[in-house]
Amino acid sequence: MEKNLVFKKFAVVIVLMLGCAMAWAQSASISLSEDSALFNYNLLIGGQSFGRSEFGAGFLFNQDKNYLLEVGLQVKDEAGTQVPGLTVGLGGKFYGATLTDLKDDQDVMALAIAGMLRFAIPRYERFALRADVSYAPNIVAFLDAERFWELAFRAEFEVLPTAAGFIEYRQFTVDLEKANTVDIDAGVRLGIYITF
C-alpha cells in the first residue's frame, strides 16, 4: 500500500514537471546514478540588460527513500569579452526534503544562495565544464536542518544543437539537529538535457 502511494505521488510530480517543461521550459534534464534519479527543468522568465532570469525546479529520489524538491531563480549572463565562453549565474534556491533512511524520519527545508559557472571551451565549443554551489546557513535552514549545501561539477558534450550528454558529480548534504552530517544523495551521475 505504502509503495503504491509513493509511486502515485512520484507519477503526479513527473507528469506535472514534464507538462510544464513541454509547455514553457527552455531546458529539461534527467540524470541517473546506480541508486537515484534527478529530474530538472528550467524556464526563461525574462531577459534584462544585466542578464537573463531563469526559474528552475527539480525532483530527486533514491533507493534510501530520500526525496528532495528544489525550486530556484538565477540571473545568468556572459562574464564579458575578457573571458569568452564563461557564463556566470547568481540567485537563490529553496529546498525541501524528507529523509526516511535514518532511525527517525527527518524533514528539511532551506533557503540557499546559489552560484553557477559554465565555461564553453572556445576552440571546442561543443564541450563545456560547469560548477554549481548552493549554501544555506543555520539562520535559513528549517525543521530538522541546521545547514544545507549542494555541490556539483559537470562535463558536458553537445551531441545535437538542442541536446547534450553529461557526466557529473553531485552532492546534497545537510547538517541535522538530531544527527550528524548526512548526504541526502552523493555520487557520479550520467545525464542528458534537451533545450527547446
Protein backbone atom coordinates (compact mmCIF):
# COMPACT_ATOMS: atom_id res chain seq x y z
CA MET A 1 0.00 0.00 0.00
CA GLU A 2 2.77 2.46 1.01
CA LYS A 3 4.82 1.74 -2.14
CA ASN A 4 1.72 2.29 -4.27
CA LEU A 5 1.11 5.72 -2.68
CA VAL A 6 4.77 6.75 -3.16
CA PHE A 7 4.61 5.68 -6.80
CA LYS A 8 1.41 7.67 -7.37
CA LYS A 9 2.95 10.81 -5.81
CA PHE A 10 6.05 10.36 -7.92
CA ALA A 11 3.99 9.88 -11.09
CA VAL A 12 2.00 13.07 -10.41
CA VAL A 13 5.19 15.09 -9.88
CA ILE A 14 6.77 13.74 -13.08
CA VAL A 15 3.64 14.39 -15.17
CA LEU A 16 3.41 17.95 -13.86
CA MET A 17 7.11 18.61 -14.45
CA LEU A 18 7.01 17.17 -17.96
CA GLY A 19 3.82 19.09 -18.76
CA CYS A 20 5.41 22.34 -17.63
CA ALA A 21 8.64 21.54 -19.43
CA MET A 22 6.85 20.82 -22.70
CA ALA A 23 4.72 23.95 -22.44
CA TRP A 24 7.26 26.57 -21.34
CA ALA A 25 10.68 25.21 -20.48
CA GLN A 26 13.92 26.25 -22.07
CA SER A 27 15.56 23.01 -20.98
CA ALA A 28 14.73 19.72 -19.31
CA SER A 29 17.20 17.18 -17.98
CA ILE A 30 17.41 13.80 -16.33
CA SER A 31 20.46 12.39 -14.57
CA LEU A 32 20.84 8.92 -13.11
CA SER A 33 23.18 7.09 -10.78
CA GLU A 34 23.02 3.47 -9.66
CA ASP A 35 20.53 4.27 -6.91
CA SER A 36 18.96 7.67 -7.64
CA ALA A 37 17.27 9.80 -10.29
CA LEU A 38 17.16 13.59 -10.63
CA PHE A 39 14.76 15.45 -12.93
CA ASN A 40 15.14 19.19 -13.66
CA TYR A 41 13.65 21.84 -15.89
CA ASN A 42 14.48 25.50 -16.39
CA LEU A 43 12.25 28.24 -17.69
CA LEU A 44 13.44 31.54 -19.11
CA ILE A 45 11.23 34.14 -17.43
CA GLY A 46 12.80 37.33 -18.68
CA GLY A 47 15.81 38.99 -20.17
CA GLN A 48 17.27 42.24 -18.94
CA SER A 49 20.30 44.29 -19.86
CA PHE A 50 22.07 42.74 -16.84
CA GLY A 51 21.30 39.11 -17.80
CA ARG A 52 18.53 36.61 -18.24
CA SER A 53 16.40 35.35 -15.38
CA GLU A 54 15.74 31.63 -15.17
CA PHE A 55 13.31 29.73 -12.96
CA GLY A 56 14.31 26.14 -12.23
CA ALA A 57 12.75 23.18 -10.46
CA GLY A 58 13.98 19.69 -9.72
CA PHE A 59 12.97 16.47 -8.01
CA LEU A 60 15.32 13.78 -6.68
CA PHE A 61 14.56 10.37 -5.22
CA ASN A 62 16.80 7.46 -4.30
CA GLN A 63 16.73 3.86 -3.07
CA ASP A 64 17.23 5.04 0.52
CA LYS A 65 13.72 6.55 0.26
CA ASN A 66 15.03 10.10 0.43
CA TYR A 67 13.06 12.68 -1.54
CA LEU A 68 14.17 16.22 -2.40
CA LEU A 69 12.41 19.05 -4.20
CA GLU A 70 14.28 22.20 -5.29
CA VAL A 71 12.99 25.46 -6.74
CA GLY A 72 15.25 28.35 -7.71
CA LEU A 73 15.71 31.63 -9.51
CA GLN A 74 19.00 32.77 -11.06
CA VAL A 75 20.26 35.62 -13.20
CA LYS A 76 22.74 34.34 -15.81
CA ASP A 77 24.92 36.13 -18.33
CA GLU A 78 28.22 36.03 -20.17
CA ALA A 79 31.07 37.16 -17.94
CA GLY A 80 32.34 39.57 -20.63
CA THR A 81 34.64 39.76 -23.60
CA GLN A 82 37.76 39.17 -21.47
CA VAL A 83 36.79 35.53 -20.90
CA PRO A 84 34.85 34.27 -23.94
CA GLY A 85 32.65 31.28 -23.21
CA LEU A 86 32.30 31.92 -19.47
CA THR A 87 28.74 32.20 -18.13
CA VAL A 88 28.06 33.20 -14.52
CA GLY A 89 24.83 32.73 -12.58
CA LEU A 90 23.76 34.08 -9.18
CA GLY A 91 20.50 33.63 -7.31
CA GLY A 92 18.71 31.57 -4.70
CA LYS A 93 17.17 28.14 -4.22
CA PHE A 94 14.54 26.69 -1.92
CA TYR A 95 14.99 23.04 -0.88
CA GLY A 96 12.54 20.70 0.78
CA ALA A 97 13.50 17.12 1.63
CA THR A 98 12.29 14.10 3.54
CA LEU A 99 14.87 11.60 4.78
CA THR A 100 13.44 8.22 5.69
CA ASP A 101 16.63 6.15 5.81
CA LEU A 102 17.58 7.30 9.33
CA LYS A 103 16.40 5.97 12.70
CA ASP A 104 13.76 8.73 12.79
CA ASP A 105 12.37 10.41 9.69
CA GLN A 106 13.84 13.89 9.18
CA ASP A 107 12.25 16.80 7.30
CA VAL A 108 14.45 19.54 5.86
CA MET A 109 13.71 22.98 4.46
CA ALA A 110 16.37 25.51 3.43
CA LEU A 111 16.66 28.81 1.57
CA ALA A 112 20.10 28.91 -0.05
CA ILE A 113 22.20 31.36 -2.02
CA ALA A 114 23.33 29.78 -5.28
CA GLY A 115 26.04 30.32 -7.84
CA MET A 116 26.99 28.75 -11.16
CA LEU A 117 29.99 28.92 -13.52
CA ARG A 118 29.92 27.39 -17.02
CA PHE A 119 32.87 27.52 -19.38
CA ALA A 120 32.44 26.53 -23.04
CA ILE A 121 35.96 25.88 -24.32
CA PRO A 122 36.48 28.38 -27.20
CA ARG A 123 38.17 26.04 -29.68
CA TYR A 124 35.83 23.17 -28.80
CA GLU A 125 32.51 24.92 -28.16
CA ARG A 126 30.62 21.63 -28.03
CA PHE A 127 32.49 20.76 -24.83
CA ALA A 128 31.84 22.66 -21.59
CA LEU A 129 32.69 22.46 -17.90
CA ARG A 130 30.27 23.58 -15.21
CA ALA A 131 30.25 24.02 -11.42
CA ASP A 132 27.24 24.75 -9.19
CA VAL A 133 27.17 25.52 -5.48
CA SER A 134 24.33 26.37 -3.08
CA TYR A 135 24.60 27.04 0.65
CA ALA A 136 22.06 27.67 3.40
CA PRO A 137 23.45 28.56 6.85
CA ASN A 138 21.63 27.92 10.11
CA ILE A 139 19.55 31.13 10.01
CA VAL A 140 17.74 29.98 6.83
CA ALA A 141 17.67 26.21 7.49
CA PHE A 142 14.40 24.99 9.00
CA LEU A 143 12.66 21.99 10.57
CA ASP A 144 15.32 19.34 11.33
CA ALA A 145 18.12 21.08 9.38
CA GLU A 146 20.91 23.21 10.80
CA ARG A 147 22.58 23.93 7.46
CA PHE A 148 22.35 22.65 3.89
CA TRP A 149 24.54 22.67 0.78
CA GLU A 150 24.69 21.32 -2.76
CA LEU A 151 27.84 20.90 -4.86
CA ALA A 152 28.05 19.81 -8.50
CA PHE A 153 30.85 19.51 -11.06
CA ARG A 154 29.92 18.62 -14.63
CA ALA A 155 31.48 17.93 -18.03
CA GLU A 156 29.06 18.40 -20.96
CA PHE A 157 29.23 17.45 -24.62
CA GLU A 158 26.75 18.85 -27.15
CA VAL A 159 25.57 15.94 -29.31
CA LEU A 160 22.99 17.97 -31.27
CA PRO A 161 22.25 21.72 -31.29
CA THR A 162 19.34 21.03 -28.89
CA ALA A 163 20.66 18.05 -26.90
CA ALA A 164 23.72 17.26 -24.81
CA GLY A 165 25.04 14.48 -22.64
CA PHE A 166 26.94 14.98 -19.41
CA ILE A 167 28.75 13.26 -16.57
CA GLU A 168 28.74 14.92 -13.18
CA TYR A 169 29.46 14.56 -9.51
CA ARG A 170 26.59 15.97 -7.42
CA GLN A 171 26.17 16.04 -3.65
CA PHE A 172 23.26 17.20 -1.47
CA THR A 173 24.33 17.43 2.20
CA VAL A 174 22.55 18.52 5.37
CA ASP A 175 23.61 19.03 8.98
CA LEU A 176 20.78 17.72 11.14
CA GLU A 177 19.82 18.79 14.67
CA LYS A 178 19.38 15.21 15.89
CA ALA A 179 22.13 13.58 13.82
CA ASN A 180 25.46 14.28 12.24
CA THR A 181 26.10 15.49 8.73
CA VAL A 182 24.14 13.36 6.25
CA ASP A 183 24.44 13.08 2.48
CA ILE A 184 20.91 13.06 1.09
CA ASP A 185 22.47 11.88 -2.15
CA ALA A 186 26.05 11.94 -3.47
CA GLY A 187 27.87 10.37 -6.38
CA VAL A 188 28.64 10.30 -10.07
CA ARG A 189 25.69 10.68 -12.42
CA LEU A 190 25.14 10.33 -16.16
CA GLY A 191 22.55 12.53 -17.81
CA ILE A 192 21.09 14.25 -20.82
CA TYR A 193 19.45 17.62 -21.28
CA ILE A 194 17.32 18.96 -24.08
CA THR A 195 16.73 22.61 -24.91
CA PHE A 196 13.53 23.90 -26.51
